[in-house]
């Protein structure tokens, strides 16, 4: 069905590549106008051209409150509204065990993954609550926010925080009577630059990729569109009774 998000305006962080890019491209194809943001200016501008349609790129650091103000103002000036906020920007490295990681690395992970998502939700509620339309916030968490590992002392807590932040925002908006839903998406291993860089950094990249594949019951690493379609569903009014939910897209990893 064409036009699943026709008439909506989406704001997608981390849109220069990976999950953000996949989601922005799908939403544009389904009728949305989209603002993508990223700290990577050249890649972001190229991504906006590749997405096509009425797509705006904004250079944006999600960990900076002032950068959020500028980015939201630019999107509002261009489009007049925002109906969909996709908090996709995030980092996964460096990470390791509790004995390996420094407080500096832990704070950086929290600044991008948690504070960035907090600011995204806060700004989304601010501009959505009085627009008279149905709105959706989609926060990208991870299966690492549901289960952890011995070398995930930074990433796992950050994604677990996104999970419960999402529920708090969802309950607040419902209680306040706002037409704003808020849900989290929990991918497993997806073939994005983030995962690719982790594989490439291994002493044996081929073995590293095969190791990840073995961990997925469906026998493959996911594709960005696998997550993009879930984001598209949550952005659309098809999910109008879904809020505070954890949408797990992991090839069966957490079923074991």
Protein backbone atom coordinates (compact mmCIF):
# COMPACT_ATOMS: atom_id res chain seq x y z
CA UNK A 1 0.00 0.00 0.00
CA UNK A 2 1.54 3.29 -1.10
CA UNK A 3 1.49 6.40 0.99
CA UNK A 4 1.68 4.77 4.43
CA UNK A 5 3.11 7.99 5.90
CA UNK A 6 1.76 10.42 3.31
CA UNK A 7 1.52 13.97 4.64
CA UNK A 8 3.83 13.32 7.58
CA UNK A 9 7.16 14.96 8.33
CA UNK A 10 9.88 12.79 9.86
CA UNK A 11 13.03 13.84 11.69
CA UNK A 12 15.68 11.10 11.67
CA UNK A 13 18.95 11.30 13.58
CA UNK A 14 21.92 9.29 12.38
CA UNK A 15 20.41 9.46 8.92
CA UNK A 16 23.65 9.50 6.93
CA UNK A 17 23.94 5.72 7.01
CA UNK A 18 22.71 2.48 8.51
CA UNK A 19 19.30 2.21 10.14
CA UNK A 20 18.53 5.92 9.98
CA UNK A 21 19.22 6.07 6.26
CA UNK A 22 17.13 2.93 5.59
CA UNK A 23 14.20 4.32 7.57
CA UNK A 24 14.37 7.73 5.92
CA UNK A 25 14.46 6.19 2.45
CA UNK A 26 11.43 3.97 3.15
CA UNK A 27 9.42 6.80 4.68
CA UNK A 28 10.19 9.07 1.74
CA UNK A 29 9.04 6.34 -0.66
CA UNK A 30 5.81 6.11 1.36
CA UNK A 31 5.01 9.81 1.12
CA UNK A 32 6.81 11.52 4.01
CA UNK A 33 8.98 14.58 3.88
CA UNK A 34 12.13 13.93 5.85
CA UNK A 35 14.86 15.78 7.71
CA UNK A 36 17.93 13.62 8.30
CA UNK A 37 20.64 14.69 10.72
CA UNK A 38 24.17 13.49 11.41
CA UNK A 39 27.57 14.72 12.54
CA UNK A 40 28.99 13.50 9.21
CA UNK A 41 28.30 16.46 6.94
CA UNK A 42 29.56 15.09 3.60
CA UNK A 43 27.92 11.69 4.09
CA UNK A 44 24.71 13.34 5.26
CA UNK A 45 24.46 15.57 2.22
CA UNK A 46 25.14 12.59 -0.06
CA UNK A 47 22.50 10.56 1.79
CA UNK A 48 19.90 13.30 1.33
CA UNK A 49 20.59 13.30 -2.41
CA UNK A 50 20.35 9.51 -2.55
CA UNK A 51 17.05 9.49 -0.65
CA UNK A 52 15.57 12.09 -2.99
CA UNK A 53 12.14 13.61 -2.57
CA UNK A 54 11.78 16.55 -0.21
CA UNK A 55 14.70 15.57 2.04
CA UNK A 56 16.67 18.03 4.15
CA UNK A 57 20.07 17.32 5.69
CA UNK A 58 21.05 19.08 8.93
CA UNK A 59 24.46 18.78 10.56
CA UNK A 60 23.67 17.88 14.14
CA UNK A 61 25.34 16.54 17.29
CA UNK A 62 22.65 14.69 19.27
CA UNK A 63 24.61 14.99 22.52
CA UNK A 64 24.41 18.81 22.38
CA UNK A 65 21.28 20.55 23.64
CA UNK A 66 22.01 23.70 21.63
CA UNK A 67 22.54 21.63 18.48
CA UNK A 68 19.10 20.10 19.00
CA UNK A 69 17.51 23.55 19.20
CA UNK A 70 19.13 24.63 15.93
CA UNK A 71 18.25 21.37 14.14
CA UNK A 72 14.61 21.37 15.22
CA UNK A 73 14.24 25.04 14.29
CA UNK A 74 15.63 24.36 10.81
CA UNK A 75 13.27 21.45 10.25
CA UNK A 76 10.28 23.43 11.49
CA UNK A 77 11.22 26.38 9.28
CA UNK A 78 11.42 24.11 6.24
CA UNK A 79 8.43 21.82 6.86
CA UNK A 80 6.25 23.61 9.41
CA UNK A 81 5.78 20.54 11.60
CA UNK A 82 7.29 17.23 12.75
CA UNK A 83 5.10 14.14 13.13
CA UNK A 84 7.74 11.42 13.43
CA UNK A 85 10.92 11.48 15.49
CA UNK A 86 13.37 8.62 14.90
CA UNK A 87 16.21 8.64 17.43
CA UNK A 88 18.64 6.43 15.54
CA UNK A 89 22.02 8.09 16.17
CA UNK A 90 24.23 6.03 18.42
CA UNK A 91 27.67 4.61 19.08
CA UNK A 92 28.78 1.13 20.15
CA UNK A 93 32.52 1.50 20.70
CA UNK A 94 34.74 1.51 22.60
CA UNK A 95 33.30 -1.11 24.92
CA UNK A 96 34.56 -3.94 27.07
CA UNK A 97 34.46 -5.34 30.59
CA UNK A 98 34.06 -3.43 33.84
CA UNK A 99 37.83 -3.71 34.38
CA UNK A 100 38.70 -2.42 30.92
CA UNK A 101 36.46 0.61 30.43
CA UNK A 102 37.12 4.10 31.74
CA UNK A 103 34.54 6.51 33.10
CA UNK A 104 35.34 8.75 30.12
CA UNK A 105 34.19 6.06 27.66
CA UNK A 106 31.13 5.25 29.74
CA UNK A 107 30.10 8.91 29.85
CA UNK A 108 30.57 9.31 26.09
CA UNK A 109 28.32 6.31 25.40
CA UNK A 110 25.67 7.72 27.71
CA UNK A 111 25.95 11.19 26.19
CA UNK A 112 25.20 9.98 22.67
CA UNK A 113 22.93 6.98 23.21
CA UNK A 114 20.95 8.11 26.26
CA UNK A 115 21.18 11.89 26.51
CA UNK A 116 20.80 12.17 22.73
CA UNK A 117 17.62 10.12 22.85
CA UNK A 118 16.35 12.04 25.88
CA UNK A 119 16.82 15.34 24.06
CA UNK A 120 15.18 13.89 20.94
CA UNK A 121 12.11 12.84 22.91
CA UNK A 122 11.94 16.13 24.78
CA UNK A 123 12.12 18.20 21.60
CA UNK A 124 9.66 15.92 19.82
CA UNK A 125 7.05 16.31 22.54
CA UNK A 126 7.57 20.08 22.51
CA UNK A 127 6.79 20.46 18.79
CA UNK A 128 4.25 17.62 18.44
CA UNK A 129 1.90 18.04 21.37
CA UNK A 130 -0.20 20.85 19.91
CA UNK A 131 -0.09 20.09 16.19
CA UNK A 132 -3.51 18.39 16.09
CA UNK A 133 -2.18 15.30 14.29
CA UNK A 134 -1.14 11.76 15.19
CA UNK A 135 2.55 11.61 16.04
CA UNK A 136 5.16 8.96 16.76
CA UNK A 137 8.54 8.78 18.49
CA UNK A 138 10.69 5.77 17.60
CA UNK A 139 13.78 5.14 19.73
CA UNK A 140 16.41 2.71 18.48
CA UNK A 141 17.55 0.52 21.36
CA UNK A 142 19.06 -2.95 20.87
CA UNK A 143 18.75 -6.55 21.98
CA UNK A 144 21.70 -5.47 24.13
CA UNK A 145 19.18 -3.40 26.05
CA UNK A 146 17.34 -6.62 26.94
CA UNK A 147 20.28 -8.97 27.54
CA UNK A 148 23.93 -8.16 28.13
CA UNK A 149 27.40 -9.65 27.85
CA UNK A 150 30.69 -9.48 29.69
CA UNK A 151 32.15 -7.00 27.19
CA UNK A 152 29.16 -4.66 27.05
CA UNK A 153 29.56 -2.61 30.21
CA UNK A 154 28.89 0.68 28.37
CA UNK A 155 26.64 -0.20 25.42
CA UNK A 156 24.18 -2.48 27.21
CA UNK A 157 23.35 -0.02 30.02
CA UNK A 158 22.91 2.76 27.47
CA UNK A 159 20.43 0.77 25.41
CA UNK A 160 18.61 -0.48 28.51
CA UNK A 161 18.18 3.16 29.52
CA UNK A 162 16.66 3.92 26.10
CA UNK A 163 14.16 1.08 26.66
CA UNK A 164 12.79 2.49 29.92
CA UNK A 165 13.07 6.12 28.82
CA UNK A 166 10.74 5.13 25.97
CA UNK A 167 8.15 3.71 28.34
CA UNK A 168 8.24 6.77 30.58
CA UNK A 169 7.72 9.10 27.60
CA UNK A 170 4.90 6.89 26.29
CA UNK A 171 3.08 6.91 29.64
CA UNK A 172 3.51 10.66 30.09
CA UNK A 173 2.10 11.44 26.65
CA UNK A 174 -0.84 9.08 27.18
CA UNK A 175 -1.59 10.58 30.60
CA UNK A 176 -1.34 14.12 29.21
CA UNK A 177 -3.73 13.28 26.36
CA UNK A 178 -1.16 14.04 23.67
CA UNK A 179 -1.47 12.30 20.30
CA UNK A 180 2.12 11.09 20.64
CA UNK A 181 3.11 7.44 20.79
CA UNK A 182 6.60 6.35 21.82
CA UNK A 183 8.09 2.91 21.13
CA UNK A 184 11.53 1.31 21.09
CA UNK A 185 13.04 -0.96 18.44
CA UNK A 186 15.52 -3.66 19.46
CA UNK A 187 17.68 -4.95 16.57
CA UNK A 188 20.27 -7.71 16.81
CA UNK A 189 23.23 -7.79 14.40
CA UNK A 190 22.40 -5.67 11.35
CA UNK A 191 24.71 -5.14 8.37
CA UNK A 192 25.41 -1.46 9.08
CA UNK A 193 28.67 0.52 9.18
CA UNK A 194 28.68 0.11 12.98
CA UNK A 195 28.64 -3.70 12.78
CA UNK A 196 30.93 -3.75 9.76
CA UNK A 197 33.56 -1.69 11.61
CA UNK A 198 33.40 -4.06 14.55
CA UNK A 199 33.96 -7.03 12.27
CA UNK A 200 36.80 -5.28 10.44
CA UNK A 201 38.54 -4.50 13.74
CA UNK A 202 38.72 -8.18 14.67
CA UNK A 203 42.00 -10.03 14.19
CA UNK A 204 40.12 -12.40 11.84
CA UNK A 205 37.18 -10.54 10.23
CA UNK A 206 35.93 -13.61 8.34
CA UNK A 207 35.71 -15.64 11.53
CA UNK A 208 34.13 -12.68 13.33
CA UNK A 209 31.31 -12.45 10.77
CA UNK A 210 30.72 -16.20 10.87
CA UNK A 211 30.61 -16.03 14.68
CA UNK A 212 27.87 -13.41 14.55
CA UNK A 213 25.90 -15.44 12.01
CA UNK A 214 26.05 -18.50 14.27
CA UNK A 215 24.50 -16.48 17.07
CA UNK A 216 21.34 -15.78 15.02
CA UNK A 217 18.82 -18.66 14.85
CA UNK A 218 17.71 -17.52 11.37
CA UNK A 219 21.29 -17.98 10.18
CA UNK A 220 22.06 -14.52 8.85
CA UNK A 221 22.92 -10.98 9.83
CA UNK A 222 19.97 -8.63 9.38
CA UNK A 223 19.66 -5.99 6.67
CA UNK A 224 19.01 -2.31 7.44
CA UNK A 225 15.61 -2.56 5.72
CA UNK A 226 14.58 -5.23 8.24
CA UNK A 227 14.63 -2.48 10.84
CA UNK A 228 13.51 0.22 8.43
CA UNK A 229 10.20 -1.52 7.84
CA UNK A 230 9.56 -1.76 11.59
CA UNK A 231 10.27 1.95 11.94
CA UNK A 232 7.95 2.63 9.01
CA UNK A 233 5.17 0.69 10.73
CA UNK A 234 5.64 2.59 13.99
CA UNK A 235 5.75 5.90 12.12
CA UNK A 236 2.49 5.16 10.35
CA UNK A 237 -1.04 5.34 11.76
CA UNK A 238 -1.21 1.56 11.33
CA UNK A 239 0.35 1.41 14.80
CA UNK A 240 -2.02 3.97 16.36
CA UNK A 241 -2.74 1.72 19.41
CA UNK A 242 0.90 0.80 20.01
CA UNK A 243 2.85 2.77 22.62
CA UNK A 244 5.47 1.92 25.22
CA UNK A 245 6.23 -1.28 23.34
CA UNK A 246 9.51 -3.09 22.71
CA UNK A 247 9.65 -4.17 19.07
CA UNK A 248 12.30 -6.89 18.85
CA UNK A 249 13.75 -7.56 15.38
CA UNK A 250 16.55 -10.00 16.03
CA UNK A 251 16.24 -13.15 13.91
CA UNK A 252 15.29 -15.09 17.03
CA UNK A 253 18.33 -14.20 19.18
CA UNK A 254 16.37 -13.40 22.35
CA UNK A 255 14.06 -16.41 21.94
CA UNK A 256 16.82 -18.75 23.03
